[in-house]
Amino acid sequence: MGQLFANNVATVLSSNITNTQTTITVNSTARFPEVGGVNDWFYLTITNTGAESNWEIVKVTAWSGTSVNIVRGQQGTTAASWIAGSKVELRTVAGDL
C-alpha cells in the first residue's frame, strides 16, 4: 500500500528518548493509521511543547499498543533526544507533496 495518512492525529511521548532509539512509547495510538503490510508506513513529527523550535520527522514502520518502531531523522531532519511530554503528531510534510 505505501504511505498512510490520517487526519488530526496527535499524542505525546510517554518517556524520554535518546537520539539513537528506534522504538518510542507514546500516550496513545488511538487514531494512528493501521500499518498492515511490509511496505506500509507514515511520518510523524516530534517537536517540543510550547513555542515549537526544534523538529524531527520520523518514519513509522510498525506499532503495537503504544510502542512505535521508527526510522529517525527523515526529510533532512536530525535525530535528537526528546523529553517525555514532547508532541508527536502526524502532519503533512514537504516530502508528502
Protein backbone atom coordinates (compact mmCIF):
# COMPACT_ATOMS: atom_id res chain seq x y z
CA MET A 1 0.00 0.00 0.00
CA GLY A 2 2.79 2.50 0.83
CA GLN A 3 2.48 5.76 2.72
CA LEU A 4 -0.52 6.05 5.03
CA PHE A 5 -2.36 9.18 6.19
CA ALA A 6 -4.88 10.16 8.86
CA ASN A 7 -6.42 13.44 9.97
CA ASN A 8 -5.71 15.22 13.25
CA VAL A 9 -3.51 12.61 14.92
CA ALA A 10 -1.67 13.91 17.98
CA THR A 11 -0.17 12.37 21.09
CA VAL A 12 2.90 12.87 23.31
CA LEU A 13 5.97 10.85 24.25
CA SER A 14 5.42 8.78 27.39
CA SER A 15 9.12 8.76 28.30
CA ASN A 16 12.39 10.43 27.37
CA ILE A 17 14.19 9.11 24.28
CA THR A 18 17.78 9.33 23.10
CA ASN A 19 18.86 10.24 19.60
CA THR A 20 19.58 6.57 18.80
CA GLN A 21 16.37 4.88 19.94
CA THR A 22 14.32 3.25 17.19
CA THR A 23 11.36 2.34 19.39
CA ILE A 24 9.40 5.01 21.25
CA THR A 25 6.43 4.89 23.60
CA VAL A 26 3.57 7.35 23.22
CA ASN A 27 0.50 8.02 25.36
CA SER A 28 -1.94 6.87 22.67
CA THR A 29 -2.01 5.36 19.19
CA ALA A 30 -5.80 5.51 19.02
CA ARG A 31 -6.00 7.21 15.61
CA PHE A 32 -2.74 6.05 14.05
CA PRO A 33 -3.12 4.50 10.59
CA GLU A 34 -3.04 0.69 10.61
CA VAL A 35 0.35 -0.47 9.32
CA GLY A 36 -0.76 -3.74 7.77
CA GLY A 37 1.91 -4.63 5.25
CA VAL A 38 5.68 -4.68 4.93
CA ASN A 39 5.60 -1.59 2.73
CA ASP A 40 3.13 0.41 4.85
CA TRP A 41 4.44 3.44 6.75
CA PHE A 42 3.68 7.02 7.78
CA TYR A 43 5.56 10.06 9.02
CA LEU A 44 5.30 11.58 12.48
CA THR A 45 6.77 14.89 13.59
CA ILE A 46 8.27 15.12 17.08
CA THR A 47 8.60 18.63 18.48
CA ASN A 48 8.99 20.43 21.80
CA THR A 49 5.99 21.69 23.73
CA GLY A 50 5.06 25.35 23.81
CA ALA A 51 6.56 27.54 21.09
CA GLU A 52 8.00 24.96 18.72
CA SER A 53 11.69 25.50 17.98
CA ASN A 54 13.00 22.01 17.16
CA TRP A 55 11.55 19.27 14.97
CA GLU A 56 12.35 15.74 13.92
CA ILE A 57 10.44 13.80 11.29
CA VAL A 58 10.39 10.04 11.82
CA LYS A 59 9.07 7.22 9.66
CA VAL A 60 6.77 4.77 11.44
CA THR A 61 7.18 1.21 10.16
CA ALA A 62 5.15 -0.64 12.81
CA TRP A 63 3.35 -0.12 16.10
CA SER A 64 1.75 -2.28 18.74
CA GLY A 65 -0.13 -0.90 21.70
CA THR A 66 1.69 2.34 22.47
CA SER A 67 5.10 1.11 21.29
CA VAL A 68 6.13 2.60 17.93
CA ASN A 69 9.00 1.47 15.66
CA ILE A 70 10.60 4.39 13.85
CA VAL A 71 13.35 5.33 11.41
CA ARG A 72 14.98 8.52 12.71
CA GLY A 73 15.89 11.82 11.05
CA GLN A 74 13.74 11.77 7.93
CA GLN A 75 13.39 14.51 5.28
CA GLY A 76 16.52 16.40 6.25
CA THR A 77 15.87 16.46 9.99
CA THR A 78 18.36 15.19 12.56
CA ALA A 79 17.74 12.52 15.18
CA ALA A 80 17.54 14.23 18.56
CA SER A 81 16.91 13.40 22.20
CA TRP A 82 13.38 14.28 23.35
CA ILE A 83 11.79 14.52 26.79
CA ALA A 84 8.54 12.92 27.95
CA GLY A 85 5.60 15.11 27.01
CA SER A 86 7.11 16.20 23.67
CA LYS A 87 4.46 16.47 20.96
CA VAL A 88 4.16 13.64 18.43
CA GLU A 89 1.88 14.43 15.50
CA LEU A 90 1.01 13.10 12.07
CA ARG A 91 1.48 16.19 9.91
CA THR A 92 1.70 16.81 6.20
CA VAL A 93 5.38 17.42 5.44
CA ALA A 94 7.11 18.64 2.28
CA GLY A 95 8.14 15.15 1.21
CA ASP A 96 4.46 14.12 1.11
CA LEU A 97 3.83 16.62 -1.63
